[in-house]
Amino acid sequence: MLRNIAFFLVFTLSATLSAGDPAAAADQVLYPLGSRLGFAPPPGFVPSRNFPGFEYPDMKSQMMMAALPPQAYAEMEKSISAEALKAQGVVEEKREHLALPNNGKGLLVVATDTDKERGKVRKWMLIEELPEGVALVSVIVPEAGFKTLTDDVVRKSLKTLTVRPTVPMEEQLQLVPFKIADMSGLHPVRVGNNAVVLTYGAKEAAMPTDQPAFAIQIGAAPEKETDRDNFARALFTNPTDMKELHVVSSEVLKLGNGGSQPTHEIQAEAKDAFTNTPMKIVQWVRFGNGTAIRMLGIARADQWPDAFKHFRAVRDGVAP
């Protein structure tokens, strides 16, 4: 999909987890922002704003989560073996092998440890093999919470592990380190790797030879103004799926807040290498504080006048 801008973006599934809805009921499965893993957390726990999972601030308790690739199960199993825990000074209380649906397997270890800040703590360490990969969960409760956050309470929560099919696009958009104030009729089709790809048209997703595409990505950039022009030009490489690329114009624009946003613009013409369709391309690179936001728009030549207006509207609403 969107092969003409594949040279620009390499997508990965975001493993970042953040805050969800702290007002949700305690027995309701919650999904931290951007996570496919969800639980009905123990009473008092809310999605954390500081790490992947849930926390009970007043009790200084945590429920940390991670999604790992399938091959990670064996490695994680070794890391919480009786020998490994003993070597770390962790006292094992219980160890239970779990039989899971879909012929999956799981391991739950309950242990006590000493934390520098919280003193004596109880830990529940769970690894579960799922069709999608491996779920890793760690629950930490200080001694003051032993009477309320009992083994039965924590186990009940751990049994509610749920994996949703996808992360809603609106959640994914909240994970990228920039905001888009005005979509101007475009809608997102891919999010990941500090980047968003948008399309403009009736189809949910389409090739740029079918309907216009616009990509936004943020990354590190040179601080010196003298280096920025070469940096922007270096980003604008000839994609393998384009031919007869010709740069039409290259200039520095002073945009927003009295021209305080130096933005390098390159416009070009080319032909799609597969269909010979005339295409037009624009790249904007906006600099600031050691970072650059790169925006790349592609559309057929006959769609360009309308598409370019919408590209500019999106560009003007993008900010870190």
C-alpha atoms as a PDB file:
ATOM      1  CA  MET A   1       0.000   0.000   0.000  1.00  0.00           C
ATOM      2  CA  LEU A   2       1.184   3.481  -0.874  1.00  0.00           C
ATOM      3  CA  ARG A   3       4.277   2.113  -2.570  1.00  0.00           C
ATOM      4  CA  ASN A   4       5.259   5.570  -3.849  1.00  0.00           C
ATOM      5  CA  ILE A   5       5.992   6.793  -0.337  1.00  0.00           C
ATOM      6  CA  ALA A   6       7.422   3.553   1.023  1.00  0.00           C
ATOM      7  CA  PHE A   7      10.895   5.077   0.628  1.00  0.00           C
ATOM      8  CA  PHE A   8       9.893   7.653   3.234  1.00  0.00           C
ATOM      9  CA  LEU A   9       8.282   5.628   6.001  1.00  0.00           C
ATOM     10  CA  VAL A  10       9.083   2.309   7.666  1.00  0.00           C
ATOM     11  CA  PHE A  11       6.193   1.295   9.871  1.00  0.00           C
ATOM     12  CA  THR A  12       6.299  -0.636  13.118  1.00  0.00           C
ATOM     13  CA  LEU A  13       3.578  -1.554  15.561  1.00  0.00           C
ATOM     14  CA  SER A  14       3.806   0.883  18.424  1.00  0.00           C
ATOM     15  CA  ALA A  15       4.433  -0.783  21.731  1.00  0.00           C
ATOM     16  CA  THR A  16       3.913   2.443  23.652  1.00  0.00           C
ATOM     17  CA  LEU A  17       1.224   2.327  26.335  1.00  0.00           C
ATOM     18  CA  SER A  18      -0.117   5.366  28.127  1.00  0.00           C
ATOM     19  CA  ALA A  19      -3.117   6.744  29.959  1.00  0.00           C
ATOM     20  CA  GLY A  20      -6.646   5.572  29.323  1.00  0.00           C
ATOM     21  CA  ASP A  21      -9.922   6.402  31.113  1.00  0.00           C
ATOM     22  CA  PRO A  22      -9.369   6.417  34.892  1.00  0.00           C
ATOM     23  CA  ALA A  23     -13.091   6.730  35.523  1.00  0.00           C
ATOM     24  CA  ALA A  24     -13.934   3.313  34.067  1.00  0.00           C
ATOM     25  CA  ALA A  25     -15.459   0.702  36.355  1.00  0.00           C
ATOM     26  CA  ALA A  26     -13.080  -1.566  38.254  1.00  0.00           C
ATOM     27  CA  ASP A  27     -14.567  -4.741  36.718  1.00  0.00           C
ATOM     28  CA  GLN A  28     -14.359  -3.397  33.159  1.00  0.00           C
ATOM     29  CA  VAL A  29     -11.568  -4.390  30.809  1.00  0.00           C
ATOM     30  CA  LEU A  30      -9.437  -1.304  30.099  1.00  0.00           C
ATOM     31  CA  TYR A  31      -6.941  -0.821  27.302  1.00  0.00           C
ATOM     32  CA  PRO A  32      -4.106   1.622  27.978  1.00  0.00           C
ATOM     33  CA  LEU A  33      -3.767   4.060  25.111  1.00  0.00           C
ATOM     34  CA  GLY A  34      -2.302   2.342  22.067  1.00  0.00           C
ATOM     35  CA  SER A  35      -2.250  -1.143  23.581  1.00  0.00           C
ATOM     36  CA  ARG A  36      -3.968  -4.238  22.255  1.00  0.00           C
ATOM     37  CA  LEU A  37      -3.593  -5.826  25.700  1.00  0.00           C
ATOM     38  CA  GLY A  38      -6.230  -5.047  28.289  1.00  0.00           C
ATOM     39  CA  PHE A  39      -7.265  -6.082  31.807  1.00  0.00           C
ATOM     40  CA  ALA A  40      -9.952  -5.425  34.348  1.00  0.00           C
ATOM     41  CA  PRO A  41      -7.389  -4.039  36.816  1.00  0.00           C
ATOM     42  CA  PRO A  42      -7.638  -4.649  40.574  1.00  0.00           C
ATOM     43  CA  PRO A  43      -9.758  -2.128  42.538  1.00  0.00           C
ATOM     44  CA  GLY A  44      -8.000   1.212  42.913  1.00  0.00           C
ATOM     45  CA  PHE A  45      -5.839   0.804  39.797  1.00  0.00           C
ATOM     46  CA  VAL A  46      -6.095   3.259  36.892  1.00  0.00           C
ATOM     47  CA  PRO A  47      -4.211   3.419  33.566  1.00  0.00           C
ATOM     48  CA  SER A  48      -0.790   4.896  34.221  1.00  0.00           C
ATOM     49  CA  ARG A  49       0.551   8.072  32.650  1.00  0.00           C
ATOM     50  CA  ASN A  50       4.117   7.070  33.515  1.00  0.00           C
ATOM     51  CA  PHE A  51       4.623   3.536  32.169  1.00  0.00           C
ATOM     52  CA  PRO A  52       2.853   0.811  30.172  1.00  0.00           C
ATOM     53  CA  GLY A  53       0.016  -0.485  32.334  1.00  0.00           C
ATOM     54  CA  PHE A  54      -1.902   0.495  35.471  1.00  0.00           C
ATOM     55  CA  GLU A  55      -1.065   1.945  38.872  1.00  0.00           C
ATOM     56  CA  TYR A  56      -2.577   2.562  42.304  1.00  0.00           C
ATOM     57  CA  PRO A  57      -0.752   5.758  43.342  1.00  0.00           C
ATOM     58  CA  ASP A  58      -1.970   5.885  46.962  1.00  0.00           C
ATOM     59  CA  MET A  59      -0.841   2.296  47.491  1.00  0.00           C
ATOM     60  CA  LYS A  60       2.383   2.710  45.430  1.00  0.00           C
ATOM     61  CA  SER A  61       1.338  -0.377  43.478  1.00  0.00           C
ATOM     62  CA  GLN A  62       1.928  -1.069  39.796  1.00  0.00           C
ATOM     63  CA  MET A  63       0.692  -3.397  37.082  1.00  0.00           C
ATOM     64  CA  MET A  64       3.145  -3.182  34.180  1.00  0.00           C
ATOM     65  CA  MET A  65       2.464  -4.743  30.775  1.00  0.00           C
ATOM     66  CA  ALA A  66       4.402  -5.504  27.618  1.00  0.00           C
ATOM     67  CA  ALA A  67       3.666  -7.245  24.325  1.00  0.00           C
ATOM     68  CA  LEU A  68       6.586  -9.296  23.018  1.00  0.00           C
ATOM     69  CA  PRO A  69       7.209 -11.439  19.908  1.00  0.00           C
ATOM     70  CA  PRO A  70       6.354 -15.180  20.114  1.00  0.00           C
ATOM     71  CA  GLN A  71       9.981 -16.297  20.431  1.00  0.00           C
ATOM     72  CA  ALA A  72      10.341 -14.301  23.665  1.00  0.00           C
ATOM     73  CA  TYR A  73       8.456 -16.849  25.779  1.00  0.00           C
ATOM     74  CA  ALA A  74      11.393 -19.204  26.349  1.00  0.00           C
ATOM     75  CA  GLU A  75      13.711 -16.329  27.263  1.00  0.00           C
ATOM     76  CA  MET A  76      11.232 -14.827  29.721  1.00  0.00           C
ATOM     77  CA  GLU A  77      10.600 -18.266  31.252  1.00  0.00           C
ATOM     78  CA  LYS A  78      14.328 -18.559  31.993  1.00  0.00           C
ATOM     79  CA  SER A  79      14.457 -15.054  33.457  1.00  0.00           C
ATOM     80  CA  ILE A  80      11.921 -15.996  36.168  1.00  0.00           C
ATOM     81  CA  SER A  81      13.174 -19.501  36.841  1.00  0.00           C
ATOM     82  CA  ALA A  82      13.643 -20.475  40.486  1.00  0.00           C
ATOM     83  CA  GLU A  83      17.414 -20.249  40.073  1.00  0.00           C
ATOM     84  CA  ALA A  84      17.284 -16.827  38.435  1.00  0.00           C
ATOM     85  CA  LEU A  85      15.001 -15.400  41.133  1.00  0.00           C
ATOM     86  CA  LYS A  86      17.121 -16.835  43.939  1.00  0.00           C
ATOM     87  CA  ALA A  87      20.235 -15.273  42.426  1.00  0.00           C
ATOM     88  CA  GLN A  88      18.481 -11.890  42.592  1.00  0.00           C
ATOM     89  CA  GLY A  89      17.485 -12.359  46.227  1.00  0.00           C
ATOM     90  CA  VAL A  90      13.809 -12.829  45.328  1.00  0.00           C
ATOM     91  CA  VAL A  91      11.909 -15.348  47.488  1.00  0.00           C
ATOM     92  CA  GLU A  92       9.522 -17.491  45.466  1.00  0.00           C
ATOM     93  CA  GLU A  93       6.146 -18.257  47.075  1.00  0.00           C
ATOM     94  CA  LYS A  94       4.228 -20.021  44.288  1.00  0.00           C
ATOM     95  CA  ARG A  95       4.826 -21.201  40.735  1.00  0.00           C
ATOM     96  CA  GLU A  96       1.979 -22.285  38.484  1.00  0.00           C
ATOM     97  CA  HIS A  97       1.975 -23.455  34.878  1.00  0.00           C
ATOM     98  CA  LEU A  98      -1.211 -22.438  33.105  1.00  0.00           C
ATOM     99  CA  ALA A  99      -3.103 -24.194  30.330  1.00  0.00           C
ATOM    100  CA  LEU A 100      -4.553 -21.584  27.989  1.00  0.00           C
ATOM    101  CA  PRO A 101      -7.012 -21.631  25.076  1.00  0.00           C
ATOM    102  CA  ASN A 102      -5.646 -22.199  21.549  1.00  0.00           C
ATOM    103  CA  ASN A 103      -3.077 -24.621  23.006  1.00  0.00           C
ATOM    104  CA  GLY A 104      -1.173 -21.708  24.484  1.00  0.00           C
ATOM    105  CA  LYS A 105       0.823 -21.882  27.675  1.00  0.00           C
ATOM    106  CA  GLY A 106       1.423 -19.590  30.589  1.00  0.00           C
ATOM    107  CA  LEU A 107       3.451 -19.251  33.749  1.00  0.00           C
ATOM    108  CA  LEU A 108       2.557 -17.346  36.910  1.00  0.00           C
ATOM    109  CA  VAL A 109       5.124 -16.811  39.638  1.00  0.00           C
ATOM    110  CA  VAL A 110       4.353 -15.135  42.970  1.00  0.00           C
ATOM    111  CA  ALA A 111       7.314 -13.945  45.022  1.00  0.00           C
ATOM    112  CA  THR A 112       8.446 -11.444  47.641  1.00  0.00           C
ATOM    113  CA  ASP A 113      11.269  -8.986  47.277  1.00  0.00           C
ATOM    114  CA  THR A 114      12.728  -5.922  48.942  1.00  0.00           C
ATOM    115  CA  ASP A 115      12.373  -2.602  47.149  1.00  0.00           C
ATOM    116  CA  LYS A 116      14.641   0.328  48.092  1.00  0.00           C
ATOM    117  CA  GLU A 117      11.752   2.789  48.055  1.00  0.00           C
ATOM    118  CA  ARG A 118       8.810   0.599  49.097  1.00  0.00           C
ATOM    119  CA  GLY A 119      10.416  -1.938  51.404  1.00  0.00           C
ATOM    120  CA  LYS A 120       8.969  -5.444  51.312  1.00  0.00           C
ATOM    121  CA  VAL A 121       6.848  -6.072  48.219  1.00  0.00           C
ATOM    122  CA  ARG A 122       4.932  -8.965  46.687  1.00  0.00           C
ATOM    123  CA  LYS A 123       5.298  -9.585  42.984  1.00  0.00           C
ATOM    124  CA  TRP A 124       3.123 -11.459  40.510  1.00  0.00           C
ATOM    125  CA  MET A 125       4.993 -12.239  37.283  1.00  0.00           C
ATOM    126  CA  LEU A 126       2.884 -13.582  34.432  1.00  0.00           C
ATOM    127  CA  ILE A 127       3.894 -14.644  30.935  1.00  0.00           C
ATOM    128  CA  GLU A 128       1.261 -15.923  28.512  1.00  0.00           C
ATOM    129  CA  GLU A 129       1.721 -17.324  25.036  1.00  0.00           C
ATOM    130  CA  LEU A 130      -0.928 -15.876  22.736  1.00  0.00           C
ATOM    131  CA  PRO A 131      -1.569 -16.320  19.003  1.00  0.00           C
ATOM    132  CA  GLU A 132      -0.369 -12.743  18.517  1.00  0.00           C
ATOM    133  CA  GLY A 133       2.787 -13.064  20.604  1.00  0.00           C
ATOM    134  CA  VAL A 134       3.651 -13.089  24.296  1.00  0.00           C
ATOM    135  CA  ALA A 135       2.029 -11.041  27.052  1.00  0.00           C
ATOM    136  CA  LEU A 136       4.294 -10.083  29.951  1.00  0.00           C
ATOM    137  CA  VAL A 137       2.680  -8.701  33.117  1.00  0.00           C
ATOM    138  CA  SER A 138       4.272  -7.723  36.419  1.00  0.00           C
ATOM    139  CA  VAL A 139       2.257  -6.659  39.476  1.00  0.00           C
ATOM    140  CA  ILE A 140       4.050  -5.087  42.448  1.00  0.00           C
ATOM    141  CA  VAL A 141       2.306  -4.421  45.780  1.00  0.00           C
ATOM    142  CA  PRO A 142       4.038  -3.031  48.920  1.00  0.00           C
ATOM    143  CA  GLU A 143       3.454  -4.686  52.301  1.00  0.00           C
ATOM    144  CA  ALA A 144       0.929  -2.015  53.273  1.00  0.00           C
ATOM    145  CA  GLY A 145      -1.366  -3.315  50.529  1.00  0.00           C
ATOM    146  CA  PHE A 146      -1.097  -7.044  51.274  1.00  0.00           C
ATOM    147  CA  LYS A 147      -4.439  -7.161  53.106  1.00  0.00           C
ATOM    148  CA  THR A 148      -6.477  -5.501  50.354  1.00  0.00           C
ATOM    149  CA  LEU A 149      -4.564  -6.502  47.211  1.00  0.00           C
ATOM    150  CA  THR A 150      -4.509 -10.183  48.056  1.00  0.00           C
ATOM    151  CA  ASP A 151      -3.421 -13.056  45.849  1.00  0.00           C
ATOM    152  CA  ASP A 152      -7.062 -13.810  45.005  1.00  0.00           C
ATOM    153  CA  VAL A 153      -7.727 -10.191  43.984  1.00  0.00           C
ATOM    154  CA  VAL A 154      -4.684  -9.982  41.728  1.00  0.00           C
ATOM    155  CA  ARG A 155      -5.283 -13.416  40.192  1.00  0.00           C
ATOM    156  CA  LYS A 156      -8.878 -12.469  39.390  1.00  0.00           C
ATOM    157  CA  SER A 157      -7.594  -9.451  37.494  1.00  0.00           C
ATOM    158  CA  LEU A 158      -4.887 -11.387  35.652  1.00  0.00           C
ATOM    159  CA  LYS A 159      -7.490 -13.859  34.397  1.00  0.00           C
ATOM    160  CA  THR A 160      -9.259 -11.040  32.520  1.00  0.00           C
ATOM    161  CA  LEU A 161      -6.406 -10.583  30.041  1.00  0.00           C
ATOM    162  CA  THR A 162      -7.975  -9.620  26.715  1.00  0.00           C
ATOM    163  CA  VAL A 163      -6.433  -8.883  23.323  1.00  0.00           C
ATOM    164  CA  ARG A 164      -8.439  -6.597  21.049  1.00  0.00           C
ATOM    165  CA  PRO A 165      -8.109  -7.080  17.272  1.00  0.00           C
ATOM    166  CA  THR A 166      -6.733  -3.612  16.544  1.00  0.00           C
ATOM    167  CA  VAL A 167      -5.944  -0.292  18.185  1.00  0.00           C
ATOM    168  CA  PRO A 168      -8.438   2.367  17.041  1.00  0.00           C
ATOM    169  CA  MET A 169      -6.906   4.896  14.664  1.00  0.00           C
ATOM    170  CA  GLU A 170      -7.808   7.830  16.934  1.00  0.00           C
ATOM    171  CA  GLU A 171      -5.747   6.220  19.705  1.00  0.00           C
ATOM    172  CA  GLN A 172      -2.815   5.633  17.389  1.00  0.00           C
ATOM    173  CA  LEU A 173      -2.843   9.311  16.395  1.00  0.00           C
ATOM    174  CA  GLN A 174      -2.429  10.279  20.054  1.00  0.00           C
ATOM    175  CA  LEU A 175       0.825   8.343  20.213  1.00  0.00           C
ATOM    176  CA  VAL A 176       2.786  10.284  17.611  1.00  0.00           C
ATOM    177  CA  PRO A 177       4.834  13.249  18.937  1.00  0.00           C
ATOM    178  CA  PHE A 178       3.051  15.855  16.845  1.00  0.00           C
ATOM    179  CA  LYS A 179      -0.487  17.114  16.434  1.00  0.00           C
ATOM    180  CA  ILE A 180      -2.528  17.682  13.296  1.00  0.00           C
ATOM    181  CA  ALA A 181      -4.895  20.574  13.923  1.00  0.00           C
ATOM    182  CA  ASP A 182      -6.652  20.392  10.551  1.00  0.00           C
ATOM    183  CA  MET A 183      -7.086  17.213   8.506  1.00  0.00           C
ATOM    184  CA  SER A 184      -8.703  19.261   5.719  1.00  0.00           C
ATOM    185  CA  GLY A 185     -10.715  16.314   4.468  1.00  0.00           C
ATOM    186  CA  LEU A 186      -7.858  13.803   4.603  1.00  0.00           C
ATOM    187  CA  HIS A 187      -8.038  10.692   6.777  1.00  0.00           C
ATOM    188  CA  PRO A 188      -5.302   8.496   8.270  1.00  0.00           C
ATOM    189  CA  VAL A 189      -4.503   5.062   6.851  1.00  0.00           C
ATOM    190  CA  ARG A 190      -1.272   4.187   8.712  1.00  0.00           C
ATOM    191  CA  VAL A 191       0.311   5.308  11.974  1.00  0.00           C
ATOM    192  CA  GLY A 192       3.687   4.275  13.363  1.00  0.00           C
ATOM    193  CA  ASN A 193       7.388   5.035  13.709  1.00  0.00           C
ATOM    194  CA  ASN A 194       6.634   8.677  14.663  1.00  0.00           C
ATOM    195  CA  ALA A 195       4.736   9.021  11.399  1.00  0.00           C
ATOM    196  CA  VAL A 196       1.263   9.255   9.916  1.00  0.00           C
ATOM    197  CA  VAL A 197       0.093   8.577   6.367  1.00  0.00           C
ATOM    198  CA  LEU A 198      -3.105  10.257   5.184  1.00  0.00           C
ATOM    199  CA  THR A 199      -5.140   9.876   2.027  1.00  0.00           C
ATOM    200  CA  TYR A 200      -7.588  12.237   0.340  1.00  0.00           C
ATOM    201  CA  GLY A 201     -10.587  10.643  -1.326  1.00  0.00           C
ATOM    202  CA  ALA A 202     -13.542   8.349  -0.898  1.00  0.00           C
ATOM    203  CA  LYS A 203     -11.482   5.172  -0.533  1.00  0.00           C
ATOM    204  CA  GLU A 204     -10.228   4.149   2.877  1.00  0.00           C
ATOM    205  CA  ALA A 205      -6.800   3.394   1.408  1.00  0.00           C
ATOM    206  CA  ALA A 206      -5.486   3.747  -2.111  1.00  0.00           C
ATOM    207  CA  MET A 207      -2.361   4.136  -4.178  1.00  0.00           C
ATOM    208  CA  PRO A 208      -1.259   7.729  -4.921  1.00  0.00           C
ATOM    209  CA  THR A 209      -2.000   6.991  -8.595  1.00  0.00           C
ATOM    210  CA  ASP A 210      -5.610   6.561  -7.506  1.00  0.00           C
ATOM    211  CA  GLN A 211      -6.077   9.299  -4.890  1.00  0.00           C
ATOM    212  CA  PRO A 212      -3.692  11.794  -3.208  1.00  0.00           C
ATOM    213  CA  ALA A 213      -1.480  10.719  -0.295  1.00  0.00           C
ATOM    214  CA  PHE A 214       0.205  12.793   2.389  1.00  0.00           C
ATOM    215  CA  ALA A 215       2.803  11.592   4.927  1.00  0.00           C
ATOM    216  CA  ILE A 216       4.088  13.310   8.067  1.00  0.00           C
ATOM    217  CA  GLN A 217       7.099  12.261  10.136  1.00  0.00           C
ATOM    218  CA  ILE A 218       9.167  13.860  12.882  1.00  0.00           C
ATOM    219  CA  GLY A 219      12.831  13.203  13.603  1.00  0.00           C
ATOM    220  CA  ALA A 220      16.183  14.678  14.558  1.00  0.00           C
ATOM    221  CA  ALA A 221      17.670  17.467  12.428  1.00  0.00           C
ATOM    222  CA  PRO A 222      20.715  19.778  12.405  1.00  0.00           C
ATOM    223  CA  GLU A 223      20.617  22.878  14.584  1.00  0.00           C
ATOM    224  CA  LYS A 224      22.650  25.105  12.261  1.00  0.00           C
ATOM    225  CA  GLU A 225      20.699  26.931   9.576  1.00  0.00           C
ATOM    226  CA  THR A 226      23.588  26.478   7.156  1.00  0.00           C
ATOM    227  CA  ASP A 227      23.140  22.699   7.327  1.00  0.00           C
ATOM    228  CA  ARG A 228      19.383  22.653   6.917  1.00  0.00           C
ATOM    229  CA  ASP A 229      19.205  23.180   3.164  1.00  0.00           C
ATOM    230  CA  ASN A 230      21.451  20.203   2.443  1.00  0.00           C
ATOM    231  CA  PHE A 231      19.519  18.151   5.000  1.00  0.00           C
ATOM    232  CA  ALA A 232      16.181  18.864   3.316  1.00  0.00           C
ATOM    233  CA  ARG A 233      17.578  18.114  -0.132  1.00  0.00           C
ATOM    234  CA  ALA A 234      19.087  14.863   1.095  1.00  0.00           C
ATOM    235  CA  LEU A 235      15.689  13.745   2.361  1.00  0.00           C
ATOM    236  CA  PHE A 236      14.179  14.265  -1.065  1.00  0.00           C
ATOM    237  CA  THR A 237      15.571  11.182  -2.768  1.00  0.00           C
ATOM    238  CA  ASN A 238      14.282   9.677  -5.973  1.00  0.00           C
ATOM    239  CA  PRO A 239      11.856   6.875  -5.049  1.00  0.00           C
ATOM    240  CA  THR A 240      12.331   3.647  -6.972  1.00  0.00           C
ATOM    241  CA  ASP A 241       8.684   3.638  -8.036  1.00  0.00           C
ATOM    242  CA  MET A 242       9.061   6.999  -9.780  1.00  0.00           C
ATOM    243  CA  LYS A 243      10.846   7.834 -12.989  1.00  0.00           C
ATOM    244  CA  GLU A 244      11.801  11.025 -14.830  1.00  0.00           C
ATOM    245  CA  LEU A 245      11.826  12.959 -11.552  1.00  0.00           C
ATOM    246  CA  HIS A 246      12.336  16.670 -12.124  1.00  0.00           C
ATOM    247  CA  VAL A 247      12.611  19.294  -9.370  1.00  0.00           C
ATOM    248  CA  VAL A 248      10.463  22.275 -10.340  1.00  0.00           C
ATOM    249  CA  SER A 249      11.228  24.583  -7.398  1.00  0.00           C
ATOM    250  CA  SER A 250      13.134  24.710  -4.136  1.00  0.00           C
ATOM    251  CA  GLU A 251      12.819  27.534  -1.612  1.00  0.00           C
ATOM    252  CA  VAL A 252      12.613  28.414   2.080  1.00  0.00           C
ATOM    253  CA  LEU A 253       9.207  29.573   3.318  1.00  0.00           C
ATOM    254  CA  LYS A 254       8.634  31.649   6.448  1.00  0.00           C
ATOM    255  CA  LEU A 255       5.382  30.339   7.892  1.00  0.00           C
ATOM    256  CA  GLY A 256       3.284  30.929  11.006  1.00  0.00           C
ATOM    257  CA  ASN A 257       3.748  33.365  13.896  1.00  0.00           C
ATOM    258  CA  GLY A 258       5.312  36.126  11.828  1.00  0.00           C
ATOM    259  CA  GLY A 259       7.472  33.786   9.804  1.00  0.00           C
ATOM    260  CA  SER A 260       8.978  32.002  12.800  1.00  0.00           C
ATOM    261  CA  GLN A 261       8.693  28.553  11.227  1.00  0.00           C
ATOM    262  CA  PRO A 262      11.407  28.152   8.555  1.00  0.00           C
ATOM    263  CA  THR A 263      10.126  25.495   6.160  1.00  0.00           C
ATOM    264  CA  HIS A 264      12.073  24.146   3.202  1.00  0.00           C
ATOM    265  CA  GLU A 265       9.822  23.408   0.238  1.00  0.00           C
ATOM    266  CA  ILE A 266      10.659  21.247  -2.788  1.00  0.00           C
ATOM    267  CA  GLN A 267       8.173  20.663  -5.587  1.00  0.00           C
ATOM    268  CA  ALA A 268       8.763  18.117  -8.312  1.00  0.00           C
ATOM    269  CA  GLU A 269       7.186  16.303 -11.231  1.00  0.00           C
ATOM    270  CA  ALA A 270       7.614  12.653 -12.152  1.00  0.00           C
ATOM    271  CA  LYS A 271       5.898   9.649 -13.674  1.00  0.00           C
ATOM    272  CA  ASP A 272       4.762   6.521 -11.933  1.00  0.00           C
ATOM    273  CA  ALA A 273       7.166   3.774 -12.970  1.00  0.00           C
ATOM    274  CA  PHE A 274       4.425   1.168 -13.269  1.00  0.00           C
ATOM    275  CA  THR A 275       1.619   3.060 -15.000  1.00  0.00           C
ATOM    276  CA  ASN A 276       3.469   5.989 -16.590  1.00  0.00           C
ATOM    277  CA  THR A 277       0.953   8.307 -14.870  1.00  0.00           C
ATOM    278  CA  PRO A 278       2.123  11.944 -14.537  1.00  0.00           C
ATOM    279  CA  MET A 279       2.572  12.720 -10.829  1.00  0.00           C
ATOM    280  CA  LYS A 280       3.403  15.781  -8.741  1.00  0.00           C
ATOM    281  CA  ILE A 281       5.214  15.799  -5.416  1.00  0.00           C
ATOM    282  CA  VAL A 282       5.771  18.339  -2.664  1.00  0.00           C
ATOM    283  CA  GLN A 283       8.069  18.040   0.340  1.00  0.00           C
ATOM    284  CA  TRP A 284       8.003  20.427   3.282  1.00  0.00           C
ATOM    285  CA  VAL A 285      10.614  20.182   6.038  1.00  0.00           C
ATOM    286  CA  ARG A 286       9.926  22.384   9.063  1.00  0.00           C
ATOM    287  CA  PHE A 287      12.832  22.909  11.467  1.00  0.00           C
ATOM    288  CA  GLY A 288      12.966  23.774  15.145  1.00  0.00           C
ATOM    289  CA  ASN A 289      14.837  22.857  18.344  1.00  0.00           C
ATOM    290  CA  GLY A 290      16.941  20.097  16.832  1.00  0.00           C
ATOM    291  CA  THR A 291      14.001  18.388  15.161  1.00  0.00           C
ATOM    292  CA  ALA A 292      12.362  18.457  11.764  1.00  0.00           C
ATOM    293  CA  ILE A 293       8.840  17.619  10.703  1.00  0.00           C
ATOM    294  CA  ARG A 294       8.879  16.219   7.191  1.00  0.00           C
ATOM    295  CA  MET A 295       5.683  16.345   5.149  1.00  0.00           C
ATOM    296  CA  LEU A 296       5.407  14.690   1.751  1.00  0.00           C
ATOM    297  CA  GLY A 297       2.435  14.961  -0.584  1.00  0.00           C
ATOM    298  CA  ILE A 298       1.921  12.978  -3.813  1.00  0.00           C
ATOM    299  CA  ALA A 299      -0.934  13.178  -6.294  1.00  0.00           C
ATOM    300  CA  ARG A 300      -1.696  12.656  -9.952  1.00  0.00           C
ATOM    301  CA  ALA A 301      -1.089  15.777 -12.034  1.00  0.00           C
ATOM    302  CA  ASP A 302      -4.786  16.095 -12.887  1.00  0.00           C
ATOM    303  CA  GLN A 303      -5.700  15.951  -9.160  1.00  0.00           C
ATOM    304  CA  TRP A 304      -2.907  18.270  -8.058  1.00  0.00           C
ATOM    305  CA  PRO A 305      -4.624  21.710  -7.914  1.00  0.00           C
ATOM    306  CA  ASP A 306      -7.278  20.510  -5.467  1.00  0.00           C
ATOM    307  CA  ALA A 307      -4.968  18.161  -3.549  1.00  0.00           C
ATOM    308  CA  PHE A 308      -2.281  20.825  -3.074  1.00  0.00           C
ATOM    309  CA  LYS A 309      -4.766  23.161  -1.332  1.00  0.00           C
ATOM    310  CA  HIS A 310      -5.601  20.445   1.174  1.00  0.00           C
ATOM    311  CA  PHE A 311      -1.950  19.490   1.639  1.00  0.00           C
ATOM    312  CA  ARG A 312      -1.134  23.094   2.577  1.00  0.00           C
ATOM    313  CA  ALA A 313      -4.026  23.235   5.047  1.00  0.00           C
ATOM    314  CA  VAL A 314      -2.763  20.100   6.795  1.00  0.00           C
ATOM    315  CA  ARG A 315       0.824  21.437   6.721  1.00  0.00           C
ATOM    316  CA  ASP A 316      -0.155  24.666   8.459  1.00  0.00           C
ATOM    317  CA  GLY A 317      -1.817  22.780  11.317  1.00  0.00           C
ATOM    318  CA  VAL A 318       1.059  20.389  12.083  1.00  0.00           C
ATOM    319  CA  ALA A 319       3.107  21.118  15.219  1.00  0.00           C
ATOM    320  CA  PRO A 320       5.216  19.136  17.720  1.00  0.00           C
END
